[in-house]
N, C-alpha and C. Protein backbone atom coordinates (compact mmCIF):
# COMPACT_ATOMS: atom_id res chain seq x y z
N MET A 1 125.54 96.82 111.99
CA MET A 1 124.36 95.87 112.01
C MET A 1 124.76 94.62 111.29
N PRO A 2 124.77 93.45 111.92
CA PRO A 2 125.18 92.26 111.22
C PRO A 2 124.21 91.91 110.14
N VAL A 3 124.76 91.49 109.03
CA VAL A 3 123.88 91.17 107.89
C VAL A 3 123.25 89.75 107.96
N THR A 4 122.01 89.67 108.06
CA THR A 4 121.21 88.28 108.04
C THR A 4 120.15 88.33 107.09
N GLU A 5 119.48 87.28 106.92
CA GLU A 5 118.40 87.24 105.96
C GLU A 5 117.31 88.25 106.45
N GLU A 6 117.16 88.31 107.79
CA GLU A 6 116.09 89.20 108.24
C GLU A 6 116.48 90.68 108.10
N THR A 7 117.83 91.01 108.29
CA THR A 7 118.17 92.38 108.23
C THR A 7 118.12 92.82 106.71
N GLU A 8 118.39 91.91 105.85
CA GLU A 8 118.25 92.17 104.43
C GLU A 8 116.68 92.46 104.15
N ARG A 9 115.91 91.70 104.70
CA ARG A 9 114.49 91.86 104.43
C ARG A 9 114.04 93.24 105.03
N LEU A 10 114.56 93.58 106.14
CA LEU A 10 114.30 94.87 106.78
C LEU A 10 114.68 95.99 105.87
N ARG A 11 115.91 95.87 105.32
CA ARG A 11 116.41 96.90 104.46
C ARG A 11 115.55 97.07 103.19
N GLU A 12 115.05 95.97 102.62
CA GLU A 12 114.15 96.04 101.48
C GLU A 12 112.85 96.68 101.79
N LEU A 13 112.34 96.33 103.01
CA LEU A 13 111.07 96.89 103.44
C LEU A 13 111.22 98.50 103.43
N VAL A 14 112.34 98.90 104.17
CA VAL A 14 112.48 100.30 104.51
C VAL A 14 112.70 101.14 103.17
N GLU A 15 113.69 100.66 102.47
CA GLU A 15 114.10 101.25 101.16
C GLU A 15 113.03 101.30 100.12
N GLY A 16 112.18 100.32 100.20
CA GLY A 16 111.13 100.22 99.14
C GLY A 16 109.84 100.88 99.59
N ALA A 17 109.75 101.42 100.73
CA ALA A 17 108.51 102.01 101.19
C ALA A 17 108.28 103.52 100.71
N ARG A 18 107.27 103.65 99.92
CA ARG A 18 106.93 104.97 99.45
C ARG A 18 105.77 105.53 100.28
N PHE A 19 105.05 104.60 101.08
CA PHE A 19 104.04 105.01 102.00
C PHE A 19 104.32 104.17 103.32
N VAL A 20 104.11 104.76 104.46
CA VAL A 20 104.25 103.97 105.81
C VAL A 20 102.96 104.31 106.53
N LEU A 21 102.42 103.16 107.11
CA LEU A 21 101.30 103.29 107.98
C LEU A 21 101.81 102.85 109.34
N PHE A 22 101.66 103.84 110.37
CA PHE A 22 102.03 103.57 111.64
C PHE A 22 100.90 103.28 112.54
N ASP A 23 100.94 102.14 113.34
CA ASP A 23 100.15 102.11 114.51
C ASP A 23 100.65 103.14 115.50
N PHE A 24 99.79 103.72 116.38
CA PHE A 24 100.04 104.83 117.22
C PHE A 24 100.66 104.27 118.56
N ASP A 25 99.91 103.67 119.44
CA ASP A 25 100.34 103.35 120.77
C ASP A 25 101.30 102.14 120.74
N GLY A 26 102.56 102.35 120.90
CA GLY A 26 103.63 101.30 120.69
C GLY A 26 104.71 101.82 119.71
N PRO A 27 104.41 101.84 118.39
CA PRO A 27 105.48 102.30 117.59
C PRO A 27 105.87 103.80 117.65
N ILE A 28 104.89 104.55 118.07
CA ILE A 28 105.15 106.12 118.11
C ILE A 28 105.38 106.50 119.62
N CYS A 29 104.54 105.96 120.50
CA CYS A 29 104.74 106.28 121.87
C CYS A 29 104.07 105.23 122.73
N ARG A 30 104.28 105.30 124.05
CA ARG A 30 103.57 104.56 125.10
C ARG A 30 102.60 105.45 125.66
N LEU A 31 101.37 105.34 125.12
CA LEU A 31 100.33 106.34 125.59
C LEU A 31 100.11 106.32 127.06
N PHE A 32 99.97 105.05 127.64
CA PHE A 32 99.56 105.02 128.99
C PHE A 32 100.79 104.76 129.90
N ALA A 33 101.93 105.24 129.56
CA ALA A 33 103.18 105.06 130.36
C ALA A 33 102.97 105.49 131.77
N LEU A 34 102.38 106.69 132.05
CA LEU A 34 102.20 107.15 133.34
C LEU A 34 100.71 107.28 133.74
N HIS A 35 99.87 106.70 132.90
CA HIS A 35 98.46 106.83 133.13
C HIS A 35 97.96 105.44 132.81
N PRO A 36 98.23 104.48 133.82
CA PRO A 36 98.13 103.07 133.58
C PRO A 36 96.88 102.59 132.85
N ALA A 37 97.02 101.77 131.85
CA ALA A 37 95.85 101.22 131.21
C ALA A 37 94.92 100.49 132.07
N ALA A 38 95.47 99.75 133.06
CA ALA A 38 94.68 99.04 133.98
C ALA A 38 93.75 99.91 134.80
N GLU A 39 94.22 101.13 135.17
CA GLU A 39 93.38 102.10 135.85
C GLU A 39 92.25 102.52 134.93
N VAL A 40 92.59 102.79 133.61
CA VAL A 40 91.53 103.21 132.68
C VAL A 40 90.50 102.13 132.51
N ALA A 41 90.90 100.83 132.46
CA ALA A 41 90.02 99.73 132.31
C ALA A 41 89.07 99.69 133.52
N ARG A 42 89.67 99.87 134.80
CA ARG A 42 88.92 99.93 136.00
C ARG A 42 87.88 101.14 136.00
N ALA A 43 88.25 102.24 135.55
CA ALA A 43 87.36 103.34 135.51
C ALA A 43 86.21 103.14 134.48
N MET A 44 86.56 102.51 133.46
CA MET A 44 85.45 102.17 132.48
C MET A 44 84.44 101.21 133.09
N LYS A 45 84.98 100.17 133.79
CA LYS A 45 84.08 99.19 134.38
C LYS A 45 83.25 99.84 135.50
N GLN A 46 83.87 100.83 136.15
CA GLN A 46 83.08 101.54 137.21
C GLN A 46 81.98 102.34 136.53
N TRP A 47 82.24 102.93 135.42
CA TRP A 47 81.22 103.79 134.67
C TRP A 47 80.07 102.80 134.28
N LEU A 48 80.37 101.52 133.80
CA LEU A 48 79.52 100.68 133.36
C LEU A 48 78.65 100.22 134.50
N HIS A 49 79.29 99.92 135.69
CA HIS A 49 78.52 99.57 136.92
C HIS A 49 77.49 100.69 137.21
N GLU A 50 77.80 101.96 137.04
CA GLU A 50 76.91 103.01 137.39
C GLU A 50 75.72 103.09 136.38
N GLN A 51 76.00 102.43 135.21
CA GLN A 51 74.90 102.36 134.22
C GLN A 51 74.07 101.01 134.34
N GLY A 52 74.45 100.33 135.40
CA GLY A 52 73.70 99.03 135.72
C GLY A 52 74.19 97.91 134.86
N LEU A 53 75.42 97.88 134.39
CA LEU A 53 75.92 96.80 133.51
C LEU A 53 77.21 96.29 134.17
N SER A 54 77.28 94.93 134.22
CA SER A 54 78.51 94.24 134.77
C SER A 54 79.18 93.51 133.73
N LEU A 55 80.49 93.33 133.88
CA LEU A 55 81.33 92.63 132.85
C LEU A 55 81.89 91.33 133.60
N PRO A 56 82.57 90.57 132.86
CA PRO A 56 83.14 89.30 133.45
C PRO A 56 84.01 89.67 134.66
N PRO A 57 84.16 88.75 135.55
CA PRO A 57 84.89 89.05 136.83
C PRO A 57 86.39 89.38 136.51
N ASP A 58 87.04 90.09 137.47
CA ASP A 58 88.38 90.48 137.29
C ASP A 58 89.45 89.36 137.04
N GLY A 59 88.94 88.18 137.31
CA GLY A 59 89.87 87.01 137.04
C GLY A 59 90.31 86.90 135.59
N GLU A 60 89.48 87.55 134.64
CA GLU A 60 89.90 87.60 133.28
C GLU A 60 90.84 88.71 133.03
N GLU A 61 92.04 88.32 132.82
CA GLU A 61 93.19 89.32 132.90
C GLU A 61 92.95 90.48 131.81
N SER A 62 92.55 90.11 130.57
CA SER A 62 92.35 91.11 129.49
C SER A 62 91.30 92.06 129.85
N VAL A 63 90.22 91.64 130.45
CA VAL A 63 89.17 92.64 130.83
C VAL A 63 89.58 93.45 131.97
N ARG A 64 90.47 92.94 132.81
CA ARG A 64 90.85 93.70 133.97
C ARG A 64 91.88 94.83 133.59
N SER A 65 92.67 94.61 132.54
CA SER A 65 93.84 95.44 132.24
C SER A 65 93.85 96.17 130.93
N ASP A 66 92.94 95.90 130.03
CA ASP A 66 92.97 96.47 128.69
C ASP A 66 91.66 97.15 128.32
N PRO A 67 91.78 98.55 128.31
CA PRO A 67 90.60 99.31 127.96
C PRO A 67 89.96 98.95 126.63
N GLN A 68 90.72 98.59 125.60
CA GLN A 68 90.17 98.22 124.42
C GLN A 68 89.33 96.98 124.45
N VAL A 69 89.77 95.99 125.40
CA VAL A 69 89.05 94.75 125.57
C VAL A 69 87.73 95.07 126.18
N VAL A 70 87.72 95.96 127.20
CA VAL A 70 86.50 96.35 127.78
C VAL A 70 85.47 96.94 126.83
N LEU A 71 85.96 97.81 125.96
CA LEU A 71 85.16 98.40 124.90
C LEU A 71 84.59 97.41 124.00
N ARG A 72 85.45 96.45 123.48
CA ARG A 72 85.11 95.44 122.63
C ARG A 72 84.00 94.44 123.24
N THR A 73 84.21 94.17 124.52
CA THR A 73 83.29 93.35 125.21
C THR A 73 81.84 93.82 125.22
N VAL A 74 81.84 95.17 125.56
CA VAL A 74 80.45 95.80 125.64
C VAL A 74 79.89 95.90 124.23
N HIS A 75 80.76 96.17 123.28
CA HIS A 75 80.19 96.18 121.94
C HIS A 75 79.65 94.91 121.44
N ARG A 76 80.27 93.80 121.81
CA ARG A 76 79.75 92.40 121.39
C ARG A 76 78.42 92.22 122.03
N ARG A 77 78.16 92.72 123.29
CA ARG A 77 76.95 92.48 124.03
C ARG A 77 75.88 93.49 123.54
N HIS A 78 76.27 94.71 123.25
CA HIS A 78 75.30 95.74 122.88
C HIS A 78 75.75 96.48 121.63
N PRO A 79 75.84 95.76 120.51
CA PRO A 79 76.39 96.44 119.30
C PRO A 79 75.40 97.63 118.80
N GLY A 80 76.07 98.73 118.45
CA GLY A 80 75.35 99.83 117.97
C GLY A 80 74.52 100.65 118.90
N SER A 81 74.71 100.35 120.24
CA SER A 81 73.93 101.04 121.26
C SER A 81 74.46 102.35 121.64
N ASP A 82 73.64 103.24 122.26
CA ASP A 82 74.20 104.50 122.78
C ASP A 82 75.16 104.16 123.85
N LEU A 83 74.92 103.17 124.66
CA LEU A 83 75.95 102.76 125.65
C LEU A 83 77.31 102.61 125.21
N VAL A 84 77.43 101.95 124.06
CA VAL A 84 78.74 101.70 123.45
C VAL A 84 79.31 103.05 122.98
N THR A 85 78.47 103.93 122.40
CA THR A 85 79.01 105.14 121.93
C THR A 85 79.50 106.04 123.11
N GLU A 86 78.72 106.01 124.24
CA GLU A 86 79.11 106.73 125.38
C GLU A 86 80.44 106.14 126.01
N LEU A 87 80.55 104.86 126.03
CA LEU A 87 81.67 104.24 126.74
C LEU A 87 82.98 104.52 125.84
N GLU A 88 82.80 104.53 124.50
CA GLU A 88 83.88 104.90 123.62
C GLU A 88 84.34 106.38 123.93
N GLU A 89 83.41 107.26 124.19
CA GLU A 89 83.88 108.63 124.51
C GLU A 89 84.59 108.64 125.90
N VAL A 90 84.13 107.80 126.74
CA VAL A 90 84.83 107.73 128.10
C VAL A 90 86.32 107.31 127.88
N LEU A 91 86.46 106.38 127.09
CA LEU A 91 87.83 105.91 126.77
C LEU A 91 88.62 107.02 126.04
N THR A 92 87.98 107.69 125.13
CA THR A 92 88.67 108.69 124.44
C THR A 92 89.15 109.81 125.31
N GLN A 93 88.22 110.20 126.37
CA GLN A 93 88.70 111.23 127.32
C GLN A 93 89.88 110.76 128.24
N HIS A 94 89.91 109.49 128.50
CA HIS A 94 91.14 108.94 129.25
C HIS A 94 92.34 109.00 128.47
N GLU A 95 92.21 108.66 127.14
CA GLU A 95 93.34 108.67 126.28
C GLU A 95 93.90 110.16 126.13
N LEU A 96 92.95 111.14 126.00
CA LEU A 96 93.44 112.52 125.79
C LEU A 96 94.17 112.99 127.13
N ARG A 97 93.62 112.58 128.25
CA ARG A 97 94.27 112.83 129.52
C ARG A 97 95.67 112.32 129.60
N ALA A 98 95.87 111.17 128.97
CA ALA A 98 97.16 110.44 129.03
C ALA A 98 98.15 111.10 128.13
N VAL A 99 97.77 111.84 127.08
CA VAL A 99 98.65 112.39 126.06
C VAL A 99 99.87 113.24 126.68
N PRO A 100 99.61 114.14 127.66
CA PRO A 100 100.71 114.87 128.14
C PRO A 100 101.90 113.98 128.82
N SER A 101 101.46 112.85 129.36
CA SER A 101 102.52 112.04 129.96
C SER A 101 102.93 110.80 129.16
N ALA A 102 102.47 110.78 127.85
CA ALA A 102 102.75 109.66 127.04
C ALA A 102 104.35 109.74 126.74
N MET A 103 105.02 108.45 126.70
CA MET A 103 106.45 108.38 126.55
C MET A 103 106.71 108.19 125.15
N PRO A 104 107.45 109.01 124.41
CA PRO A 104 107.81 108.82 123.07
C PRO A 104 108.65 107.60 122.90
N THR A 105 108.41 106.76 121.81
CA THR A 105 109.15 105.58 121.60
C THR A 105 110.55 105.97 120.98
N PRO A 106 111.55 105.42 121.66
CA PRO A 106 112.93 105.82 121.22
C PRO A 106 113.15 105.82 119.69
N TYR A 107 113.72 106.80 119.09
CA TYR A 107 113.94 106.93 117.65
C TYR A 107 112.72 107.24 116.83
N ALA A 108 111.56 107.33 117.36
CA ALA A 108 110.32 107.45 116.54
C ALA A 108 110.29 108.81 116.00
N ASP A 109 110.50 109.86 116.73
CA ASP A 109 110.44 111.24 116.25
C ASP A 109 111.53 111.44 115.07
N PRO A 110 112.72 111.13 115.31
CA PRO A 110 113.70 111.43 114.11
C PRO A 110 113.36 110.42 112.93
N LEU A 111 112.85 109.29 113.12
CA LEU A 111 112.51 108.37 112.08
C LEU A 111 111.35 108.96 111.18
N ILE A 112 110.33 109.53 111.90
CA ILE A 112 109.20 110.18 111.27
C ILE A 112 109.68 111.34 110.41
N ARG A 113 110.59 112.14 111.02
CA ARG A 113 110.99 113.42 110.28
C ARG A 113 111.91 113.01 109.14
N THR A 114 112.72 111.97 109.29
CA THR A 114 113.67 111.55 108.20
C THR A 114 112.81 111.06 107.17
N TRP A 115 111.83 110.13 107.41
CA TRP A 115 111.09 109.60 106.33
C TRP A 115 110.34 110.75 105.54
N THR A 116 109.79 111.60 106.26
CA THR A 116 109.05 112.72 105.67
C THR A 116 109.99 113.54 104.78
N ALA A 117 111.20 113.82 105.25
CA ALA A 117 112.22 114.58 104.46
C ALA A 117 112.53 113.87 103.15
N ARG A 118 112.45 112.58 103.16
CA ARG A 118 112.78 111.77 101.97
C ARG A 118 111.63 111.70 100.99
N GLY A 119 110.49 112.28 101.36
CA GLY A 119 109.36 112.35 100.46
C GLY A 119 108.46 111.20 100.62
N THR A 120 108.65 110.30 101.61
CA THR A 120 107.74 109.24 101.92
C THR A 120 106.52 109.78 102.65
N ARG A 121 105.31 109.31 102.31
CA ARG A 121 104.06 109.75 102.86
C ARG A 121 103.58 108.92 104.02
N LEU A 122 103.27 109.46 105.06
CA LEU A 122 102.95 108.79 106.35
C LEU A 122 101.50 108.76 106.73
N ALA A 123 100.99 107.79 107.45
CA ALA A 123 99.68 107.80 107.95
C ALA A 123 99.59 107.11 109.28
N ILE A 124 98.74 107.43 110.13
CA ILE A 124 98.43 106.78 111.38
C ILE A 124 97.13 105.95 111.12
N THR A 125 97.38 104.52 111.43
CA THR A 125 96.19 103.73 111.46
C THR A 125 96.15 102.96 112.80
N THR A 126 95.21 103.42 113.62
CA THR A 126 95.17 103.03 114.99
C THR A 126 93.83 102.78 115.58
N ASP A 127 93.74 101.91 116.62
CA ASP A 127 92.53 101.67 117.29
C ASP A 127 92.28 102.64 118.43
N ASN A 128 93.18 103.55 118.67
CA ASN A 128 93.00 104.67 119.56
C ASN A 128 92.18 105.74 118.77
N SER A 129 91.67 106.72 119.53
CA SER A 129 90.92 107.81 118.95
C SER A 129 91.84 108.62 118.02
N SER A 130 91.28 109.10 116.85
CA SER A 130 92.11 110.00 116.02
C SER A 130 92.42 111.23 116.76
N ARG A 131 91.50 111.67 117.66
CA ARG A 131 91.71 112.91 118.40
C ARG A 131 92.95 112.70 119.32
N THR A 132 93.11 111.57 119.86
CA THR A 132 94.22 111.29 120.75
C THR A 132 95.54 111.32 119.98
N ALA A 133 95.59 110.59 118.85
CA ALA A 133 96.77 110.61 118.04
C ALA A 133 97.16 112.05 117.54
N SER A 134 96.14 112.70 117.13
CA SER A 134 96.37 114.02 116.54
C SER A 134 96.91 115.04 117.69
N ALA A 135 96.28 114.91 118.91
CA ALA A 135 96.80 115.71 120.00
C ALA A 135 98.30 115.41 120.34
N TYR A 136 98.62 114.15 120.37
CA TYR A 136 100.07 113.72 120.64
C TYR A 136 100.98 114.28 119.57
N LEU A 137 100.56 114.05 118.29
CA LEU A 137 101.53 114.58 117.18
C LEU A 137 101.63 116.02 117.32
N ALA A 138 100.60 116.87 117.57
CA ALA A 138 100.72 118.25 117.66
C ALA A 138 101.74 118.66 118.69
N GLY A 139 101.65 117.97 119.85
CA GLY A 139 102.43 118.19 120.94
C GLY A 139 103.91 117.96 120.75
N ARG A 140 104.17 117.01 119.75
CA ARG A 140 105.61 116.71 119.50
C ARG A 140 106.05 117.39 118.21
N GLY A 141 105.22 118.24 117.62
CA GLY A 141 105.55 119.01 116.40
C GLY A 141 105.66 118.16 115.23
N LEU A 142 104.77 117.03 115.24
CA LEU A 142 104.88 116.01 114.13
C LEU A 142 103.58 116.04 113.29
N ALA A 143 102.66 116.81 113.68
CA ALA A 143 101.38 116.85 112.93
C ALA A 143 101.55 117.00 111.42
N GLY A 144 102.42 117.86 111.01
CA GLY A 144 102.55 118.05 109.58
C GLY A 144 103.15 116.85 108.80
N CYS A 145 103.76 115.91 109.54
CA CYS A 145 104.35 114.71 108.90
C CYS A 145 103.23 113.81 108.51
N PHE A 146 102.04 113.89 109.11
CA PHE A 146 100.94 112.93 108.88
C PHE A 146 99.76 113.60 108.28
N ALA A 147 99.45 114.85 108.58
CA ALA A 147 98.17 115.54 108.14
C ALA A 147 98.04 115.42 106.76
N PRO A 148 96.74 115.08 106.36
CA PRO A 148 95.50 114.77 107.19
C PRO A 148 95.31 113.39 107.44
N HIS A 149 96.38 112.54 107.28
CA HIS A 149 96.05 111.18 107.32
C HIS A 149 96.27 110.48 108.68
N VAL A 150 95.32 110.73 109.59
CA VAL A 150 95.29 110.14 110.83
C VAL A 150 93.86 109.40 110.97
N TYR A 151 93.90 108.04 110.93
CA TYR A 151 92.78 107.30 110.97
C TYR A 151 92.64 106.44 112.14
N GLY A 152 91.67 106.84 113.05
CA GLY A 152 91.63 106.12 114.35
C GLY A 152 90.21 105.43 114.46
N ARG A 153 89.93 105.12 115.74
CA ARG A 153 88.81 104.32 116.11
C ARG A 153 87.51 105.14 115.74
N THR A 154 86.52 104.45 115.12
CA THR A 154 85.26 104.99 114.78
C THR A 154 84.23 104.44 115.68
N HIS A 155 82.99 104.83 115.70
CA HIS A 155 81.91 104.20 116.47
C HIS A 155 81.51 102.83 115.87
N GLU A 156 81.98 102.54 114.69
CA GLU A 156 81.80 101.25 114.12
C GLU A 156 82.95 100.29 114.60
N LEU A 157 82.74 99.88 115.88
CA LEU A 157 83.85 99.12 116.51
C LEU A 157 84.18 97.82 115.97
N HIS A 158 83.34 97.24 115.07
CA HIS A 158 83.67 96.02 114.38
C HIS A 158 84.71 96.26 113.32
N ARG A 159 85.01 97.50 113.09
CA ARG A 159 86.00 97.85 112.07
C ARG A 159 87.37 98.07 112.69
N MET A 160 87.51 97.83 114.00
CA MET A 160 88.79 97.87 114.57
C MET A 160 89.69 96.66 114.06
N LYS A 161 90.97 96.94 114.25
CA LYS A 161 91.92 95.66 113.83
C LYS A 161 91.48 94.55 114.71
N PRO A 162 91.58 93.34 114.10
CA PRO A 162 92.30 93.00 112.83
C PRO A 162 91.54 93.31 111.45
N ASP A 163 90.40 93.95 111.55
CA ASP A 163 89.76 94.41 110.41
C ASP A 163 90.69 95.38 109.77
N PRO A 164 90.85 95.46 108.41
CA PRO A 164 91.82 96.32 107.72
C PRO A 164 91.23 97.70 107.48
N TYR A 165 90.08 98.01 107.95
CA TYR A 165 89.36 99.22 107.53
C TYR A 165 90.21 100.46 107.62
N SER A 166 90.91 100.72 108.72
CA SER A 166 91.68 101.93 108.88
C SER A 166 92.86 101.93 107.92
N LEU A 167 93.46 100.73 107.57
CA LEU A 167 94.53 100.67 106.65
C LEU A 167 94.00 100.94 105.26
N ASN A 168 92.91 100.36 104.89
CA ASN A 168 92.32 100.67 103.50
C ASN A 168 91.97 102.13 103.37
N ARG A 169 91.46 102.73 104.44
CA ARG A 169 91.13 104.14 104.30
C ARG A 169 92.36 104.94 104.02
N ALA A 170 93.43 104.63 104.65
CA ALA A 170 94.71 105.40 104.46
C ALA A 170 95.22 105.13 102.97
N LEU A 171 95.16 103.86 102.60
CA LEU A 171 95.66 103.56 101.27
C LEU A 171 94.86 104.25 100.20
N ARG A 172 93.58 104.26 100.34
CA ARG A 172 92.74 105.02 99.32
C ARG A 172 92.97 106.47 99.38
N ALA A 173 93.03 107.10 100.54
CA ALA A 173 93.22 108.54 100.67
C ALA A 173 94.54 108.94 100.13
N MET A 174 95.58 108.25 100.25
CA MET A 174 96.87 108.65 99.75
C MET A 174 97.20 108.13 98.37
N GLY A 175 96.25 107.37 97.82
CA GLY A 175 96.48 106.79 96.47
C GLY A 175 97.61 105.89 96.41
N ALA A 176 97.79 105.08 97.53
CA ALA A 176 98.90 104.24 97.78
C ALA A 176 98.73 102.81 97.25
N ALA A 177 99.74 102.22 96.54
CA ALA A 177 99.69 100.87 96.22
C ALA A 177 100.11 100.08 97.40
N SER A 178 99.38 98.97 97.76
CA SER A 178 99.67 98.21 99.00
C SER A 178 101.20 97.68 98.87
N GLY A 179 101.66 97.22 97.69
CA GLY A 179 102.99 96.77 97.61
C GLY A 179 104.06 97.69 97.83
N SER A 180 103.81 98.96 97.71
CA SER A 180 104.85 100.00 98.02
C SER A 180 104.64 100.68 99.45
N THR A 181 103.78 99.98 100.15
CA THR A 181 103.54 100.51 101.54
C THR A 181 104.05 99.53 102.70
N VAL A 182 104.38 100.04 103.83
CA VAL A 182 104.83 99.17 104.90
C VAL A 182 103.88 99.65 106.11
N MET A 183 103.45 98.61 106.90
CA MET A 183 102.71 98.85 108.14
C MET A 183 103.63 98.57 109.33
N ILE A 184 103.78 99.47 110.30
CA ILE A 184 104.65 99.22 111.39
C ILE A 184 103.65 99.13 112.65
N GLY A 185 103.60 97.92 113.29
CA GLY A 185 102.73 97.64 114.31
C GLY A 185 103.41 96.79 115.33
N ASP A 186 102.77 96.74 116.57
CA ASP A 186 103.43 96.02 117.63
C ASP A 186 102.44 94.96 118.25
N ALA A 187 101.41 94.61 117.54
CA ALA A 187 100.45 93.61 117.96
C ALA A 187 99.93 92.72 116.96
N PRO A 188 99.62 91.46 117.18
CA PRO A 188 99.06 90.54 116.18
C PRO A 188 97.98 91.12 115.31
N ALA A 189 97.10 91.93 115.99
CA ALA A 189 95.96 92.55 115.23
C ALA A 189 96.46 93.47 114.11
N ASP A 190 97.62 94.07 114.38
CA ASP A 190 98.30 94.98 113.32
C ASP A 190 98.68 94.04 112.14
N LEU A 191 99.34 92.97 112.48
CA LEU A 191 99.85 91.97 111.57
C LEU A 191 98.65 91.43 110.67
N TYR A 192 97.56 91.07 111.33
CA TYR A 192 96.43 90.45 110.67
C TYR A 192 95.84 91.54 109.69
N ALA A 193 95.60 92.79 110.10
CA ALA A 193 95.09 93.79 109.37
C ALA A 193 95.96 94.10 108.06
N ALA A 194 97.31 94.12 108.33
CA ALA A 194 98.20 94.29 107.18
C ALA A 194 98.06 93.26 106.18
N ARG A 195 97.98 91.92 106.67
CA ARG A 195 97.80 90.81 105.69
C ARG A 195 96.56 91.01 104.86
N GLN A 196 95.52 91.36 105.52
CA GLN A 196 94.17 91.51 104.76
C GLN A 196 94.19 92.52 103.83
N ALA A 197 95.00 93.65 104.14
CA ALA A 197 95.13 94.82 103.23
C ALA A 197 96.25 94.58 102.15
N GLY A 198 96.94 93.51 102.26
CA GLY A 198 98.03 93.26 101.36
C GLY A 198 99.20 94.08 101.51
N VAL A 199 99.42 94.52 102.64
CA VAL A 199 100.46 95.48 103.03
C VAL A 199 101.66 94.76 103.78
N PRO A 200 102.92 94.88 103.23
CA PRO A 200 104.05 94.24 104.04
C PRO A 200 104.14 94.86 105.52
N PHE A 201 104.55 93.91 106.37
CA PHE A 201 104.44 94.28 107.82
C PHE A 201 105.86 94.27 108.45
N LEU A 202 106.04 95.30 109.24
CA LEU A 202 107.31 95.46 109.98
C LEU A 202 106.84 95.46 111.50
N GLY A 203 107.24 94.51 112.23
CA GLY A 203 106.91 94.44 113.63
C GLY A 203 107.81 95.23 114.52
N TYR A 204 107.27 95.90 115.53
CA TYR A 204 108.04 96.62 116.61
C TYR A 204 107.67 95.98 117.92
N ALA A 205 108.66 95.49 118.61
CA ALA A 205 108.41 94.87 119.91
C ALA A 205 109.41 95.44 120.91
N ARG A 206 108.79 96.01 122.01
CA ARG A 206 109.76 96.61 122.99
C ARG A 206 110.18 95.58 124.09
N ASN A 207 109.62 94.43 124.02
CA ASN A 207 110.06 93.45 125.04
C ASN A 207 109.99 92.02 124.37
N ASP A 208 110.51 91.11 125.10
CA ASP A 208 110.54 89.65 124.69
C ASP A 208 109.08 89.10 124.42
N GLU A 209 108.15 89.43 125.34
CA GLU A 209 106.80 88.93 125.21
C GLU A 209 106.10 89.39 123.88
N LYS A 210 106.26 90.72 123.62
CA LYS A 210 105.63 91.21 122.36
C LYS A 210 106.38 90.62 121.08
N GLU A 211 107.66 90.43 121.20
CA GLU A 211 108.40 89.93 120.03
C GLU A 211 107.93 88.44 119.84
N ALA A 212 107.83 87.67 120.78
CA ALA A 212 107.30 86.22 120.82
C ALA A 212 105.96 86.18 120.17
N ARG A 213 105.08 86.97 120.62
CA ARG A 213 103.72 87.00 120.05
C ARG A 213 103.66 87.27 118.66
N LEU A 214 104.45 88.19 118.18
CA LEU A 214 104.41 88.59 116.79
C LEU A 214 105.03 87.52 115.91
N ARG A 215 106.06 86.92 116.40
CA ARG A 215 106.78 85.81 115.60
C ARG A 215 105.87 84.64 115.63
N GLU A 216 105.13 84.32 116.69
CA GLU A 216 104.36 83.18 116.76
C GLU A 216 103.16 83.30 115.72
N GLU A 217 102.76 84.45 115.38
CA GLU A 217 101.73 84.73 114.38
C GLU A 217 102.25 84.87 113.04
N GLY A 218 103.62 84.77 112.85
CA GLY A 218 104.13 84.69 111.51
C GLY A 218 104.84 85.84 110.99
N ALA A 219 105.04 86.95 111.98
CA ALA A 219 105.70 88.14 111.47
C ALA A 219 107.17 87.74 111.07
N GLU A 220 107.59 88.14 109.95
CA GLU A 220 108.92 87.67 109.45
C GLU A 220 109.98 88.70 109.77
N VAL A 221 109.66 89.95 109.92
CA VAL A 221 110.60 90.99 110.29
C VAL A 221 110.18 91.76 111.64
N VAL A 222 110.92 91.61 112.59
CA VAL A 222 110.55 92.25 113.95
C VAL A 222 111.75 93.05 114.41
N VAL A 223 111.62 94.19 114.80
CA VAL A 223 112.79 94.96 115.43
C VAL A 223 112.45 95.23 116.89
N ARG A 224 113.44 95.31 117.63
CA ARG A 224 113.25 95.64 119.13
C ARG A 224 113.52 97.09 119.36
N SER A 225 114.00 97.76 118.34
CA SER A 225 114.27 99.22 118.41
C SER A 225 114.12 99.76 117.06
N LEU A 226 113.59 101.04 116.97
CA LEU A 226 113.46 101.64 115.62
C LEU A 226 114.87 102.22 115.14
N GLU A 227 115.90 102.15 115.96
CA GLU A 227 117.23 102.62 115.46
C GLU A 227 117.69 101.98 114.21
N PRO A 228 117.66 100.64 113.96
CA PRO A 228 118.11 100.19 112.69
C PRO A 228 117.27 100.63 111.48
N VAL A 229 116.00 100.92 111.72
CA VAL A 229 115.23 101.50 110.60
C VAL A 229 115.70 102.95 110.28
N LEU A 230 116.05 103.69 111.37
CA LEU A 230 116.51 105.01 111.06
C LEU A 230 117.85 104.89 110.39
N TRP A 231 118.68 104.00 110.87
CA TRP A 231 120.04 103.80 110.30
C TRP A 231 120.02 103.51 108.76
N ILE A 232 119.09 102.67 108.47
CA ILE A 232 118.98 102.27 106.92
C ILE A 232 118.60 103.53 106.25
N LEU A 233 117.66 104.39 106.64
CA LEU A 233 117.27 105.65 105.98
C LEU A 233 118.44 106.53 105.85
N ARG A 234 119.30 106.70 106.89
CA ARG A 234 120.34 107.63 106.97
C ARG A 234 121.63 107.19 106.27
N ARG A 235 121.63 105.87 105.98
CA ARG A 235 122.96 105.39 105.45
C ARG A 235 123.37 106.00 104.17
């Protein structure tokens, strides 16, 4: 691996981490790899239509393709309502159905096991349901690497990222100092939450678009594969 300022910063992040907070969908797996997110968003909109509620037209790309955006949009219009609680459960059930076909992120499993073997404590901090993340980890034999520190979406949807709520929950529960912790995420919301929690951020981007978005928002260290992270740990 060529030595650059960024690779040196990556090495410092990895070697200095006593605690690691993982986002779930992206750094650990592609949850909707074979259960397309756009279909989930469409099913959620159909459920809302059956309840007599309409959302912005499908011309708005994010509302058409992102289940989380659908959920947030309804929450903004009807905060704290039973409708939002029920819609959140609709999304959770779709996530759980997607777990068996979720695609593991390359090198994620050995990275998690290697970090655990070195005594580093790990947590999940995600906007997916904690039930979803826990089900996936159990299926991969990784639950023991994180238990009991899986912090997912709650009914208080305003606490989803970029709010640092899930990160702060993990830090408090593990007794972790923010400066000795690293957050691995693949979206600007992860970066913003890490900043607010005072946690150094390591960006994971599986394609050019995701990398560009992270760097545009100021992410200083971004990897296109988790392999160099694993390499540093095993060196």
